[in-house]
Amino acid sequence: MPARPGAAIAACLLSLMPSALADPSGDPAAVSSDAGEYSDKQGNPTYKIDTDGTVDWYTAIGYIRYTANCMQCHGPDGLGSSFAPALTDALQDLNYSQFLDTITNGKQNVSTSQDLVMPAFGKNPNVMCFVDAIFIYLRARSDGALGRGQPANSAPRPKGYSATEDACLG
């Protein structure tokens, strides 16, 4: 079958697009904020990183909560381990609702070569109360907007955040 020049040109153009466009949640640019939590134009939780490297509160707390609850399996900075895949790679293919579904309900992929099981965290407040923040942190890592390790500077805790956190944790 002869090559189609239009398809080849489209493939080349797609390969030149910024990696942020590979994010299935869409463009990660923050367009709105509610009590310090940013959303993109599709309403997905997203990060905001200032030119001086200061991250929003939710990205910073996402790092802390990821490290406390997810790193044991998924490795430091979302880079994967022998137990679980790299979430920085996984978010190239998962949108926010798919991420949330996997965290809430777990996932099981059984093949002849391996058993991969992600436990359900839907009833774990230490994860579910911070699932947006964890997604935001991993989205920033996946998009290449945030380097490894704890962010050096973060925006201050939003007013009312502690009361919301306390209410969620019980």
N, C-alpha and C. Protein backbone atom coordinates (compact mmCIF):
# COMPACT_ATOMS: atom_id res chain seq x y z
N MET A 1 0.85 -1.18 0.00
CA MET A 1 0.00 0.00 0.00
C MET A 1 0.89 1.24 0.00
N PRO A 2 0.67 2.23 -0.86
CA PRO A 2 1.52 3.41 -0.91
C PRO A 2 1.37 4.26 0.34
N ALA A 3 2.47 4.91 0.71
CA ALA A 3 2.46 5.78 1.89
C ALA A 3 1.56 6.98 1.63
N ARG A 4 0.88 7.43 2.67
CA ARG A 4 0.01 8.60 2.54
C ARG A 4 0.77 9.81 3.08
N PRO A 5 1.10 10.79 2.23
CA PRO A 5 1.88 11.93 2.69
C PRO A 5 1.20 12.70 3.82
N GLY A 6 -0.12 12.82 3.78
CA GLY A 6 -0.83 13.53 4.84
C GLY A 6 -0.65 12.88 6.19
N ALA A 7 -0.71 11.55 6.25
CA ALA A 7 -0.52 10.83 7.51
C ALA A 7 0.90 11.00 8.02
N ALA A 8 1.86 10.97 7.11
CA ALA A 8 3.26 11.13 7.51
C ALA A 8 3.50 12.53 8.07
N ILE A 9 2.92 13.54 7.44
CA ILE A 9 3.07 14.91 7.92
C ILE A 9 2.40 15.06 9.28
N ALA A 10 1.22 14.50 9.45
CA ALA A 10 0.52 14.57 10.74
C ALA A 10 1.33 13.90 11.83
N ALA A 11 1.91 12.75 11.53
CA ALA A 11 2.73 12.04 12.52
C ALA A 11 3.93 12.87 12.92
N CYS A 12 4.57 13.52 11.95
CA CYS A 12 5.71 14.38 12.25
C CYS A 12 5.30 15.56 13.12
N LEU A 13 4.18 16.19 12.79
CA LEU A 13 3.71 17.32 13.58
C LEU A 13 3.37 16.90 15.00
N LEU A 14 2.73 15.76 15.16
CA LEU A 14 2.40 15.28 16.51
C LEU A 14 3.65 15.02 17.32
N SER A 15 4.71 14.51 16.69
CA SER A 15 5.94 14.23 17.43
C SER A 15 6.63 15.51 17.87
N LEU A 16 6.34 16.64 17.23
CA LEU A 16 6.96 17.91 17.59
C LEU A 16 6.18 18.69 18.64
N MET A 17 4.98 18.24 18.97
CA MET A 17 4.14 18.95 19.94
C MET A 17 4.75 18.83 21.33
N PRO A 18 4.54 19.82 22.18
CA PRO A 18 5.05 19.77 23.54
C PRO A 18 4.50 18.55 24.27
N SER A 19 5.31 18.04 25.21
CA SER A 19 4.89 16.84 25.93
C SER A 19 3.63 17.07 26.75
N ALA A 20 3.36 18.32 27.14
CA ALA A 20 2.15 18.59 27.92
C ALA A 20 0.90 18.21 27.16
N LEU A 21 0.96 18.28 25.82
CA LEU A 21 -0.20 17.91 25.03
C LEU A 21 -0.42 16.40 25.01
N ALA A 22 0.58 15.64 25.44
CA ALA A 22 0.41 14.20 25.52
C ALA A 22 -0.46 13.83 26.73
N ASP A 23 -0.59 14.74 27.66
CA ASP A 23 -1.42 14.54 28.85
C ASP A 23 -2.87 14.35 28.41
N PRO A 24 -3.46 13.15 28.64
CA PRO A 24 -4.81 12.93 28.20
C PRO A 24 -5.84 13.80 28.92
N SER A 25 -5.44 14.45 30.00
CA SER A 25 -6.35 15.38 30.65
C SER A 25 -6.41 16.70 29.91
N GLY A 26 -5.54 16.88 28.92
CA GLY A 26 -5.53 18.10 28.14
C GLY A 26 -4.44 19.05 28.57
N ASP A 27 -4.55 20.28 28.12
CA ASP A 27 -3.57 21.30 28.43
C ASP A 27 -3.57 21.54 29.93
N PRO A 28 -2.41 21.42 30.59
CA PRO A 28 -2.38 21.56 32.05
C PRO A 28 -2.43 22.99 32.55
N ALA A 29 -2.49 23.97 31.66
CA ALA A 29 -2.48 25.37 32.10
C ALA A 29 -3.64 25.66 33.04
N ALA A 30 -3.31 26.28 34.16
CA ALA A 30 -4.33 26.64 35.14
C ALA A 30 -5.14 27.82 34.63
N VAL A 31 -6.46 27.68 34.62
CA VAL A 31 -7.33 28.77 34.17
C VAL A 31 -8.26 29.26 35.28
N SER A 32 -8.37 28.49 36.36
CA SER A 32 -9.21 28.94 37.48
C SER A 32 -8.65 28.36 38.77
N SER A 33 -9.08 28.96 39.87
CA SER A 33 -8.63 28.53 41.18
C SER A 33 -9.78 28.63 42.16
N ASP A 34 -9.89 27.60 43.00
CA ASP A 34 -10.88 27.60 44.07
C ASP A 34 -10.14 27.27 45.36
N ALA A 35 -10.00 28.27 46.22
CA ALA A 35 -9.31 28.11 47.49
C ALA A 35 -7.90 27.54 47.30
N GLY A 36 -7.20 28.02 46.27
CA GLY A 36 -5.82 27.61 46.05
C GLY A 36 -5.64 26.35 45.24
N GLU A 37 -6.73 25.66 44.87
CA GLU A 37 -6.63 24.48 44.03
C GLU A 37 -6.96 24.91 42.60
N TYR A 38 -6.02 24.67 41.70
CA TYR A 38 -6.15 25.12 40.32
C TYR A 38 -6.81 24.05 39.46
N SER A 39 -7.50 24.53 38.43
CA SER A 39 -8.14 23.66 37.45
C SER A 39 -7.75 24.11 36.05
N ASP A 40 -7.70 23.15 35.13
CA ASP A 40 -7.45 23.49 33.73
C ASP A 40 -8.77 23.82 33.05
N LYS A 41 -8.74 24.10 31.76
CA LYS A 41 -9.96 24.52 31.06
C LYS A 41 -11.01 23.42 31.00
N GLN A 42 -10.62 22.15 31.21
CA GLN A 42 -11.58 21.05 31.23
C GLN A 42 -12.10 20.76 32.64
N GLY A 43 -11.60 21.50 33.63
CA GLY A 43 -12.04 21.31 35.00
C GLY A 43 -11.24 20.27 35.77
N ASN A 44 -10.16 19.76 35.17
CA ASN A 44 -9.31 18.79 35.86
C ASN A 44 -8.38 19.50 36.83
N PRO A 45 -8.07 18.87 37.96
CA PRO A 45 -7.10 19.46 38.88
C PRO A 45 -5.74 19.61 38.16
N THR A 46 -5.09 20.73 38.40
CA THR A 46 -3.79 20.94 37.76
C THR A 46 -2.88 21.75 38.67
N TYR A 47 -1.65 21.86 38.27
CA TYR A 47 -0.62 22.54 39.03
C TYR A 47 -0.42 23.96 38.51
N LYS A 48 0.23 24.76 39.35
CA LYS A 48 0.67 26.09 38.94
C LYS A 48 2.06 26.28 39.54
N ILE A 49 3.01 26.47 38.66
CA ILE A 49 4.39 26.65 39.09
C ILE A 49 4.85 28.02 38.60
N ASP A 50 5.24 28.88 39.53
CA ASP A 50 5.69 30.22 39.18
C ASP A 50 7.06 30.16 38.51
N THR A 51 7.44 31.24 37.87
CA THR A 51 8.73 31.29 37.16
C THR A 51 9.91 31.10 38.10
N ASP A 52 9.74 31.42 39.39
CA ASP A 52 10.82 31.22 40.35
C ASP A 52 10.84 29.80 40.92
N GLY A 53 9.94 28.93 40.44
CA GLY A 53 9.90 27.54 40.89
C GLY A 53 8.96 27.28 42.05
N THR A 54 8.30 28.31 42.55
CA THR A 54 7.35 28.13 43.65
C THR A 54 6.12 27.38 43.12
N VAL A 55 5.77 26.28 43.79
CA VAL A 55 4.61 25.49 43.38
C VAL A 55 3.41 25.86 44.22
N ASP A 56 2.23 25.59 43.69
CA ASP A 56 1.01 25.82 44.45
C ASP A 56 0.97 24.85 45.64
N TRP A 57 0.12 25.15 46.61
CA TRP A 57 0.01 24.35 47.82
C TRP A 57 -0.34 22.89 47.51
N TYR A 58 -1.25 22.66 46.58
CA TYR A 58 -1.71 21.29 46.30
C TYR A 58 -0.61 20.44 45.66
N THR A 59 0.25 21.03 44.85
CA THR A 59 1.38 20.29 44.31
C THR A 59 2.32 19.89 45.45
N ALA A 60 2.57 20.84 46.36
CA ALA A 60 3.47 20.56 47.49
C ALA A 60 2.91 19.48 48.40
N ILE A 61 1.63 19.58 48.76
CA ILE A 61 1.03 18.58 49.65
C ILE A 61 0.87 17.26 48.91
N GLY A 62 0.70 17.32 47.59
CA GLY A 62 0.64 16.11 46.78
C GLY A 62 1.93 15.31 46.86
N TYR A 63 3.05 16.01 46.86
CA TYR A 63 4.35 15.33 47.02
C TYR A 63 4.40 14.61 48.37
N ILE A 64 3.99 15.30 49.42
CA ILE A 64 4.04 14.72 50.77
C ILE A 64 3.11 13.51 50.87
N ARG A 65 1.91 13.63 50.37
CA ARG A 65 0.93 12.53 50.44
C ARG A 65 1.31 11.37 49.52
N TYR A 66 1.87 11.68 48.35
CA TYR A 66 2.36 10.62 47.47
C TYR A 66 3.46 9.83 48.20
N THR A 67 4.40 10.55 48.80
CA THR A 67 5.52 9.91 49.48
C THR A 67 5.03 9.04 50.64
N ALA A 68 4.00 9.48 51.34
CA ALA A 68 3.47 8.74 52.48
C ALA A 68 2.64 7.53 52.09
N ASN A 69 1.96 7.59 50.94
CA ASN A 69 0.98 6.55 50.62
C ASN A 69 1.24 5.75 49.35
N CYS A 70 2.04 6.26 48.45
CA CYS A 70 2.19 5.63 47.13
C CYS A 70 3.62 5.20 46.81
N MET A 71 4.58 5.87 47.40
CA MET A 71 5.98 5.63 47.08
C MET A 71 6.42 4.20 47.38
N GLN A 72 5.83 3.56 48.39
CA GLN A 72 6.24 2.22 48.76
C GLN A 72 6.18 1.27 47.58
N CYS A 73 5.21 1.45 46.72
CA CYS A 73 5.06 0.58 45.54
C CYS A 73 5.54 1.26 44.26
N HIS A 74 5.18 2.52 44.07
CA HIS A 74 5.44 3.20 42.81
C HIS A 74 6.78 3.94 42.76
N GLY A 75 7.56 3.84 43.82
CA GLY A 75 8.91 4.40 43.81
C GLY A 75 8.95 5.90 44.04
N PRO A 76 10.16 6.40 44.34
CA PRO A 76 10.31 7.83 44.58
C PRO A 76 9.94 8.63 43.34
N ASP A 77 9.28 9.75 43.58
CA ASP A 77 8.96 10.71 42.52
C ASP A 77 8.11 10.13 41.40
N GLY A 78 7.40 9.03 41.66
CA GLY A 78 6.52 8.43 40.67
C GLY A 78 7.24 7.71 39.55
N LEU A 79 8.50 7.33 39.78
CA LEU A 79 9.32 6.75 38.72
C LEU A 79 9.22 5.22 38.62
N GLY A 80 8.40 4.59 39.47
CA GLY A 80 8.21 3.15 39.39
C GLY A 80 9.21 2.37 40.21
N SER A 81 8.92 1.08 40.33
CA SER A 81 9.79 0.18 41.09
C SER A 81 9.57 -1.23 40.57
N SER A 82 10.17 -2.18 41.25
CA SER A 82 9.94 -3.58 40.86
C SER A 82 8.55 -4.05 41.26
N PHE A 83 7.85 -3.28 42.09
CA PHE A 83 6.50 -3.64 42.54
C PHE A 83 5.39 -3.04 41.68
N ALA A 84 5.62 -1.85 41.16
CA ALA A 84 4.54 -1.13 40.46
C ALA A 84 5.13 -0.20 39.41
N PRO A 85 4.30 0.13 38.41
CA PRO A 85 4.80 0.94 37.29
C PRO A 85 5.05 2.40 37.65
N ALA A 86 5.77 3.06 36.79
CA ALA A 86 6.04 4.49 36.92
C ALA A 86 4.74 5.25 36.66
N LEU A 87 4.32 6.04 37.61
CA LEU A 87 3.11 6.83 37.43
C LEU A 87 3.38 8.05 36.55
N THR A 88 4.63 8.47 36.46
CA THR A 88 4.96 9.55 35.54
C THR A 88 4.71 9.10 34.10
N ASP A 89 4.91 7.81 33.83
CA ASP A 89 4.60 7.26 32.50
C ASP A 89 3.10 7.00 32.36
N ALA A 90 2.49 6.46 33.41
CA ALA A 90 1.07 6.09 33.36
C ALA A 90 0.19 7.30 33.06
N LEU A 91 0.54 8.46 33.62
CA LEU A 91 -0.28 9.65 33.39
C LEU A 91 -0.18 10.17 31.96
N GLN A 92 0.71 9.61 31.17
CA GLN A 92 0.74 9.95 29.74
C GLN A 92 -0.47 9.32 29.04
N ASP A 93 -1.05 8.28 29.65
CA ASP A 93 -2.18 7.57 29.05
C ASP A 93 -3.47 7.66 29.85
N LEU A 94 -3.40 8.10 31.11
CA LEU A 94 -4.59 8.17 31.96
C LEU A 94 -5.06 9.61 32.12
N ASN A 95 -6.37 9.83 32.02
CA ASN A 95 -6.89 11.14 32.35
C ASN A 95 -7.30 11.14 33.83
N TYR A 96 -7.77 12.27 34.31
CA TYR A 96 -8.09 12.39 35.73
C TYR A 96 -9.14 11.38 36.18
N SER A 97 -10.21 11.20 35.43
CA SER A 97 -11.26 10.28 35.87
C SER A 97 -10.77 8.84 35.89
N GLN A 98 -9.91 8.46 34.95
CA GLN A 98 -9.33 7.11 34.96
C GLN A 98 -8.40 6.93 36.16
N PHE A 99 -7.61 7.95 36.46
CA PHE A 99 -6.73 7.93 37.63
C PHE A 99 -7.55 7.75 38.90
N LEU A 100 -8.60 8.56 39.03
CA LEU A 100 -9.46 8.51 40.21
C LEU A 100 -10.12 7.14 40.34
N ASP A 101 -10.60 6.57 39.24
CA ASP A 101 -11.21 5.26 39.25
C ASP A 101 -10.23 4.19 39.70
N THR A 102 -9.00 4.25 39.23
CA THR A 102 -7.99 3.26 39.61
C THR A 102 -7.66 3.37 41.09
N ILE A 103 -7.50 4.58 41.59
CA ILE A 103 -7.20 4.77 43.02
C ILE A 103 -8.36 4.27 43.87
N THR A 104 -9.57 4.61 43.48
CA THR A 104 -10.75 4.27 44.27
C THR A 104 -11.04 2.77 44.25
N ASN A 105 -11.01 2.17 43.07
CA ASN A 105 -11.45 0.78 42.92
C ASN A 105 -10.33 -0.24 42.76
N GLY A 106 -9.10 0.21 42.60
CA GLY A 106 -7.99 -0.70 42.38
C GLY A 106 -7.99 -1.19 40.94
N LYS A 107 -7.05 -2.07 40.68
CA LYS A 107 -6.91 -2.58 39.33
C LYS A 107 -6.18 -3.92 39.40
N GLN A 108 -6.59 -4.82 38.53
CA GLN A 108 -5.91 -6.11 38.48
C GLN A 108 -5.67 -6.47 37.02
N ASN A 109 -4.41 -6.62 36.68
CA ASN A 109 -4.01 -7.08 35.35
C ASN A 109 -3.30 -8.40 35.54
N VAL A 110 -3.90 -9.47 35.13
CA VAL A 110 -3.29 -10.77 35.29
C VAL A 110 -2.91 -11.28 33.92
N SER A 111 -1.65 -11.65 33.78
CA SER A 111 -1.19 -12.23 32.53
C SER A 111 -0.39 -13.49 32.87
N THR A 112 0.04 -14.20 31.87
CA THR A 112 0.80 -15.42 32.12
C THR A 112 2.16 -15.12 32.70
N SER A 113 2.66 -13.90 32.50
CA SER A 113 4.00 -13.59 32.99
C SER A 113 4.02 -12.92 34.35
N GLN A 114 2.91 -12.31 34.75
CA GLN A 114 2.94 -11.59 36.02
C GLN A 114 1.53 -11.32 36.54
N ASP A 115 1.46 -11.09 37.83
CA ASP A 115 0.22 -10.66 38.47
C ASP A 115 0.44 -9.23 38.95
N LEU A 116 -0.31 -8.30 38.40
CA LEU A 116 -0.23 -6.91 38.80
C LEU A 116 -1.51 -6.52 39.49
N VAL A 117 -1.42 -6.12 40.74
CA VAL A 117 -2.61 -5.78 41.51
C VAL A 117 -2.40 -4.45 42.19
N MET A 118 -3.32 -3.54 41.93
CA MET A 118 -3.36 -2.25 42.62
C MET A 118 -4.53 -2.33 43.59
N PRO A 119 -4.26 -2.24 44.90
CA PRO A 119 -5.38 -2.32 45.84
C PRO A 119 -6.30 -1.12 45.73
N ALA A 120 -7.54 -1.30 46.13
CA ALA A 120 -8.52 -0.21 46.16
C ALA A 120 -8.27 0.65 47.39
N PHE A 121 -8.25 1.95 47.21
CA PHE A 121 -8.05 2.89 48.32
C PHE A 121 -9.28 3.75 48.57
N GLY A 122 -10.42 3.38 47.99
CA GLY A 122 -11.63 4.18 48.08
C GLY A 122 -12.13 4.45 49.48
N LYS A 123 -11.77 3.62 50.43
CA LYS A 123 -12.22 3.82 51.82
C LYS A 123 -11.09 4.29 52.73
N ASN A 124 -9.95 4.62 52.14
CA ASN A 124 -8.80 5.06 52.92
C ASN A 124 -8.73 6.58 52.89
N PRO A 125 -9.08 7.25 54.00
CA PRO A 125 -9.07 8.71 53.98
C PRO A 125 -7.68 9.31 53.80
N ASN A 126 -6.63 8.58 54.19
CA ASN A 126 -5.28 9.09 54.01
C ASN A 126 -4.91 9.22 52.54
N VAL A 127 -5.63 8.52 51.68
CA VAL A 127 -5.44 8.65 50.24
C VAL A 127 -6.55 9.50 49.63
N MET A 128 -7.78 9.16 49.91
CA MET A 128 -8.91 9.81 49.23
C MET A 128 -9.06 11.29 49.59
N CYS A 129 -8.70 11.68 50.79
CA CYS A 129 -8.79 13.10 51.15
C CYS A 129 -7.76 13.93 50.39
N PHE A 130 -6.77 13.28 49.81
CA PHE A 130 -5.69 13.98 49.13
C PHE A 130 -5.50 13.52 47.68
N VAL A 131 -6.49 12.82 47.14
CA VAL A 131 -6.34 12.25 45.81
C VAL A 131 -6.13 13.33 44.74
N ASP A 132 -6.80 14.47 44.86
CA ASP A 132 -6.57 15.56 43.91
C ASP A 132 -5.13 16.05 43.99
N ALA A 133 -4.64 16.25 45.21
CA ALA A 133 -3.27 16.74 45.40
C ALA A 133 -2.26 15.73 44.84
N ILE A 134 -2.49 14.45 45.06
CA ILE A 134 -1.59 13.42 44.53
C ILE A 134 -1.60 13.47 43.01
N PHE A 135 -2.79 13.58 42.41
CA PHE A 135 -2.89 13.69 40.96
C PHE A 135 -2.15 14.92 40.45
N ILE A 136 -2.34 16.05 41.12
CA ILE A 136 -1.71 17.30 40.71
C ILE A 136 -0.19 17.16 40.72
N TYR A 137 0.34 16.61 41.81
CA TYR A 137 1.79 16.40 41.90
C TYR A 137 2.28 15.49 40.78
N LEU A 138 1.60 14.36 40.58
CA LEU A 138 2.02 13.42 39.54
C LEU A 138 1.84 14.00 38.14
N ARG A 139 0.84 14.82 37.96
CA ARG A 139 0.63 15.47 36.65
C ARG A 139 1.80 16.40 36.34
N ALA A 140 2.22 17.16 37.34
CA ALA A 140 3.37 18.06 37.15
C ALA A 140 4.64 17.25 36.85
N ARG A 141 4.82 16.14 37.54
CA ARG A 141 5.99 15.28 37.27
C ARG A 141 5.89 14.67 35.87
N SER A 142 4.71 14.16 35.53
CA SER A 142 4.51 13.50 34.24
C SER A 142 4.71 14.47 33.07
N ASP A 143 4.29 15.70 33.25
CA ASP A 143 4.41 16.71 32.19
C ASP A 143 5.83 17.28 32.10
N GLY A 144 6.70 16.91 33.05
CA GLY A 144 8.06 17.44 33.04
C GLY A 144 8.16 18.85 33.59
N ALA A 145 7.10 19.33 34.24
CA ALA A 145 7.10 20.68 34.80
C ALA A 145 7.75 20.74 36.18
N LEU A 146 7.92 19.58 36.83
CA LEU A 146 8.45 19.52 38.18
C LEU A 146 9.52 18.45 38.24
N GLY A 147 10.65 18.81 38.81
CA GLY A 147 11.75 17.87 38.93
C GLY A 147 11.56 16.92 40.11
N ARG A 148 12.59 16.12 40.33
CA ARG A 148 12.56 15.14 41.41
C ARG A 148 12.74 15.81 42.76
N GLY A 149 12.26 15.12 43.80
CA GLY A 149 12.42 15.60 45.16
C GLY A 149 11.32 16.56 45.58
N GLN A 150 11.36 16.91 46.86
CA GLN A 150 10.35 17.80 47.41
C GLN A 150 10.54 19.21 46.85
N PRO A 151 9.47 19.83 46.39
CA PRO A 151 9.59 21.20 45.89
C PRO A 151 10.17 22.11 46.98
N ALA A 152 11.13 22.94 46.60
CA ALA A 152 11.82 23.79 47.57
C ALA A 152 10.92 24.88 48.13
N ASN A 153 10.05 25.43 47.30
CA ASN A 153 9.18 26.53 47.73
C ASN A 153 7.76 26.25 47.31
N SER A 154 6.83 26.54 48.22
CA SER A 154 5.42 26.38 47.87
C SER A 154 4.63 27.59 48.34
N ALA A 155 3.51 27.78 47.68
CA ALA A 155 2.58 28.83 48.09
C ALA A 155 2.08 28.50 49.49
N PRO A 156 1.64 29.49 50.23
CA PRO A 156 1.14 29.21 51.58
C PRO A 156 -0.14 28.38 51.55
N ARG A 157 -0.40 27.73 52.67
CA ARG A 157 -1.63 26.94 52.83
C ARG A 157 -2.84 27.85 52.63
N PRO A 158 -3.76 27.45 51.76
CA PRO A 158 -4.95 28.28 51.53
C PRO A 158 -5.80 28.41 52.80
N LYS A 159 -6.43 29.55 52.93
CA LYS A 159 -7.33 29.79 54.06
C LYS A 159 -8.44 28.74 54.02
N GLY A 160 -8.72 28.12 55.14
CA GLY A 160 -9.78 27.12 55.23
C GLY A 160 -9.32 25.71 54.90
N TYR A 161 -8.06 25.55 54.44
CA TYR A 161 -7.58 24.22 54.05
C TYR A 161 -7.58 23.27 55.25
N SER A 162 -7.10 23.74 56.38
CA SER A 162 -7.00 22.86 57.56
C SER A 162 -8.37 22.34 58.00
N ALA A 163 -9.38 23.21 57.96
CA ALA A 163 -10.74 22.79 58.35
C ALA A 163 -11.28 21.73 57.38
N THR A 164 -11.03 21.93 56.09
CA THR A 164 -11.47 20.96 55.08
C THR A 164 -10.76 19.63 55.28
N GLU A 165 -9.46 19.68 55.53
CA GLU A 165 -8.67 18.47 55.76
C GLU A 165 -9.17 17.75 57.02
N ASP A 166 -9.39 18.48 58.09
CA ASP A 166 -9.88 17.87 59.33
C ASP A 166 -11.24 17.22 59.14
N ALA A 167 -12.12 17.89 58.40
CA ALA A 167 -13.46 17.34 58.16
C ALA A 167 -13.38 16.05 57.35
N CYS A 168 -12.49 15.99 56.38
CA CYS A 168 -12.36 14.80 55.54
C CYS A 168 -11.78 13.64 56.32
N LEU A 169 -10.75 13.92 57.10
CA LEU A 169 -10.07 12.86 57.86
C LEU A 169 -10.90 12.37 59.05
N GLY A 170 -11.84 13.20 59.47
CA GLY A 170 -12.73 12.79 60.56
C GLY A 170 -12.19 13.14 61.84
